[in-house]
Amino acid sequence: MANKKLEMVEDWLLAIGGVNWGLTLFGVNLVTMLGEGIGQTTPVNVIVYGAVGLSALHKIAKMTNLMK
């Protein structure tokens, strides 16, 4: 049950990260807007980008059968 919830959070983080990345084509970065530090690194930015990055690495590991 906990793994299913973790996977759901992971999927949402990856979806949000993908949408944010796509929006940068139009000069919009939701993460920097959330952190109120446009063009700056804030603790919120670091946490969000870190969570998205870790989710991506975990998903890649699962997809390549490095983790089950």
N, C-alpha and C. Protein backbone atom coordinates (compact mmCIF):
# COMPACT_ATOMS: atom_id res chain seq x y z
N MET A 1 0.82 -1.20 0.00
CA MET A 1 0.00 0.00 0.00
C MET A 1 0.87 1.26 0.00
N ALA A 2 1.89 1.28 0.85
CA ALA A 2 2.77 2.45 0.92
C ALA A 2 3.52 2.63 -0.40
N ASN A 3 3.91 1.51 -1.03
CA ASN A 3 4.61 1.60 -2.31
C ASN A 3 3.71 2.20 -3.38
N LYS A 4 2.42 1.88 -3.33
CA LYS A 4 1.48 2.41 -4.31
C LYS A 4 1.33 3.92 -4.14
N LYS A 5 1.26 4.37 -2.89
CA LYS A 5 1.14 5.80 -2.63
C LYS A 5 2.41 6.53 -3.05
N LEU A 6 3.57 5.93 -2.77
CA LEU A 6 4.84 6.53 -3.16
C LEU A 6 4.93 6.63 -4.68
N GLU A 7 4.47 5.59 -5.35
CA GLU A 7 4.50 5.61 -6.82
C GLU A 7 3.56 6.68 -7.37
N MET A 8 2.42 6.88 -6.73
CA MET A 8 1.49 7.91 -7.17
C MET A 8 2.10 9.30 -6.99
N VAL A 9 2.77 9.54 -5.86
CA VAL A 9 3.45 10.82 -5.63
C VAL A 9 4.54 11.02 -6.66
N GLU A 10 5.29 9.96 -6.92
CA GLU A 10 6.36 10.00 -7.92
C GLU A 10 5.81 10.37 -9.29
N ASP A 11 4.70 9.75 -9.68
CA ASP A 11 4.09 10.02 -10.98
C ASP A 11 3.63 11.48 -11.08
N TRP A 12 3.03 11.99 -10.00
CA TRP A 12 2.59 13.39 -10.00
C TRP A 12 3.77 14.34 -10.10
N LEU A 13 4.84 14.05 -9.37
CA LEU A 13 6.03 14.90 -9.43
C LEU A 13 6.60 14.93 -10.84
N LEU A 14 6.64 13.78 -11.49
CA LEU A 14 7.16 13.72 -12.86
C LEU A 14 6.24 14.45 -13.83
N ALA A 15 4.94 14.34 -13.63
CA ALA A 15 4.00 15.06 -14.49
C ALA A 15 4.14 16.57 -14.31
N ILE A 16 4.22 17.01 -13.07
CA ILE A 16 4.39 18.44 -12.79
C ILE A 16 5.71 18.93 -13.36
N GLY A 17 6.77 18.14 -13.20
CA GLY A 17 8.06 18.52 -13.76
C GLY A 17 8.02 18.62 -15.27
N GLY A 18 7.32 17.68 -15.90
CA GLY A 18 7.20 17.71 -17.36
C GLY A 18 6.43 18.92 -17.86
N VAL A 19 5.33 19.23 -17.18
CA VAL A 19 4.54 20.41 -17.56
C VAL A 19 5.37 21.68 -17.36
N ASN A 20 6.07 21.75 -16.24
CA ASN A 20 6.90 22.93 -15.98
C ASN A 20 7.98 23.08 -17.05
N TRP A 21 8.59 21.99 -17.42
CA TRP A 21 9.63 22.03 -18.45
C TRP A 21 9.03 22.49 -19.77
N GLY A 22 7.85 22.00 -20.11
CA GLY A 22 7.18 22.42 -21.34
C GLY A 22 6.82 23.90 -21.33
N LEU A 23 6.39 24.40 -20.17
CA LEU A 23 6.02 25.80 -20.07
C LEU A 23 7.21 26.74 -20.23
N THR A 24 8.42 26.23 -19.98
CA THR A 24 9.59 27.10 -20.16
C THR A 24 9.77 27.52 -21.61
N LEU A 25 9.13 26.79 -22.54
CA LEU A 25 9.15 27.22 -23.95
C LEU A 25 8.49 28.58 -24.12
N PHE A 26 7.58 28.90 -23.21
CA PHE A 26 6.85 30.17 -23.26
C PHE A 26 7.36 31.16 -22.22
N GLY A 27 8.52 30.86 -21.65
CA GLY A 27 9.12 31.76 -20.67
C GLY A 27 8.48 31.70 -19.29
N VAL A 28 7.74 30.64 -19.02
CA VAL A 28 7.08 30.48 -17.72
C VAL A 28 7.74 29.34 -16.98
N ASN A 29 8.14 29.59 -15.74
CA ASN A 29 8.71 28.55 -14.89
C ASN A 29 7.93 28.57 -13.58
N LEU A 30 7.06 27.59 -13.42
CA LEU A 30 6.19 27.54 -12.25
C LEU A 30 6.96 27.37 -10.95
N VAL A 31 8.06 26.65 -11.01
CA VAL A 31 8.83 26.40 -9.78
C VAL A 31 9.45 27.69 -9.27
N THR A 32 10.01 28.50 -10.16
CA THR A 32 10.58 29.76 -9.68
C THR A 32 9.49 30.72 -9.23
N MET A 33 8.32 30.64 -9.86
CA MET A 33 7.21 31.48 -9.41
C MET A 33 6.74 31.04 -8.03
N LEU A 34 6.72 29.74 -7.80
CA LEU A 34 6.32 29.20 -6.51
C LEU A 34 7.28 29.65 -5.42
N GLY A 35 8.56 29.63 -5.74
CA GLY A 35 9.58 30.02 -4.77
C GLY A 35 9.75 31.52 -4.66
N GLU A 36 9.00 32.28 -5.45
CA GLU A 36 9.06 33.75 -5.45
C GLU A 36 10.46 34.29 -5.69
N GLY A 37 11.29 33.51 -6.33
CA GLY A 37 12.65 33.96 -6.58
C GLY A 37 12.96 33.85 -8.05
N ILE A 38 12.26 34.62 -8.86
CA ILE A 38 12.43 34.52 -10.30
C ILE A 38 13.90 34.73 -10.66
N GLY A 39 14.47 33.69 -11.25
CA GLY A 39 15.87 33.73 -11.64
C GLY A 39 16.83 33.47 -10.48
N GLN A 40 16.28 33.15 -9.32
CA GLN A 40 17.13 32.91 -8.15
C GLN A 40 16.89 31.49 -7.64
N THR A 41 17.85 30.99 -6.90
CA THR A 41 17.70 29.70 -6.25
C THR A 41 17.20 29.94 -4.83
N THR A 42 16.05 29.38 -4.53
CA THR A 42 15.48 29.50 -3.20
C THR A 42 15.35 28.09 -2.61
N PRO A 43 15.16 27.98 -1.31
CA PRO A 43 14.98 26.64 -0.72
C PRO A 43 13.80 25.87 -1.33
N VAL A 44 12.74 26.57 -1.68
CA VAL A 44 11.59 25.91 -2.29
C VAL A 44 11.98 25.33 -3.65
N ASN A 45 12.70 26.10 -4.44
CA ASN A 45 13.16 25.62 -5.76
C ASN A 45 14.01 24.36 -5.60
N VAL A 46 14.94 24.40 -4.67
CA VAL A 46 15.84 23.27 -4.46
C VAL A 46 15.06 22.03 -4.06
N ILE A 47 14.09 22.19 -3.18
CA ILE A 47 13.28 21.04 -2.72
C ILE A 47 12.46 20.47 -3.87
N VAL A 48 11.79 21.34 -4.62
CA VAL A 48 10.94 20.86 -5.72
C VAL A 48 11.79 20.20 -6.81
N TYR A 49 12.84 20.88 -7.25
CA TYR A 49 13.69 20.29 -8.29
C TYR A 49 14.35 19.00 -7.80
N GLY A 50 14.74 18.97 -6.55
CA GLY A 50 15.34 17.76 -5.98
C GLY A 50 14.36 16.60 -5.96
N ALA A 51 13.12 16.88 -5.55
CA ALA A 51 12.09 15.83 -5.50
C ALA A 51 11.78 15.30 -6.89
N VAL A 52 11.68 16.20 -7.87
CA VAL A 52 11.41 15.77 -9.25
C VAL A 52 12.58 14.95 -9.78
N GLY A 53 13.79 15.40 -9.52
CA GLY A 53 14.99 14.67 -9.98
C GLY A 53 15.11 13.29 -9.36
N LEU A 54 14.87 13.19 -8.06
CA LEU A 54 14.92 11.89 -7.39
C LEU A 54 13.82 10.97 -7.90
N SER A 55 12.65 11.52 -8.16
CA SER A 55 11.56 10.71 -8.72
C SER A 55 11.94 10.17 -10.09
N ALA A 56 12.56 11.01 -10.90
CA ALA A 56 12.99 10.57 -12.23
C ALA A 56 14.04 9.46 -12.14
N LEU A 57 15.01 9.64 -11.26
CA LEU A 57 16.04 8.60 -11.10
C LEU A 57 15.44 7.29 -10.60
N HIS A 58 14.51 7.38 -9.66
CA HIS A 58 13.86 6.17 -9.15
C HIS A 58 13.05 5.49 -10.24
N LYS A 59 12.33 6.28 -11.05
CA LYS A 59 11.53 5.71 -12.13
C LYS A 59 12.43 5.05 -13.18
N ILE A 60 13.54 5.67 -13.51
CA ILE A 60 14.50 5.09 -14.46
C ILE A 60 15.05 3.78 -13.93
N ALA A 61 15.39 3.75 -12.65
CA ALA A 61 15.92 2.53 -12.04
C ALA A 61 14.88 1.41 -12.12
N LYS A 62 13.62 1.73 -11.87
CA LYS A 62 12.56 0.72 -11.95
C LYS A 62 12.36 0.26 -13.39
N MET A 63 12.42 1.19 -14.33
CA MET A 63 12.20 0.85 -15.73
C MET A 63 13.32 -0.01 -16.29
N THR A 64 14.53 0.14 -15.78
CA THR A 64 15.66 -0.64 -16.27
C THR A 64 15.91 -1.87 -15.40
N ASN A 65 14.96 -2.17 -14.53
CA ASN A 65 15.01 -3.34 -13.66
C ASN A 65 16.17 -3.33 -12.68
N LEU A 66 16.70 -2.15 -12.38
CA LEU A 66 17.71 -2.04 -11.34
C LEU A 66 17.07 -2.15 -9.97
N MET A 67 15.80 -1.78 -9.91
CA MET A 67 15.03 -1.88 -8.68
C MET A 67 13.71 -2.57 -8.99
N LYS A 68 13.17 -3.25 -8.03
CA LYS A 68 11.88 -3.93 -8.26
C LYS A 68 10.82 -3.29 -7.41
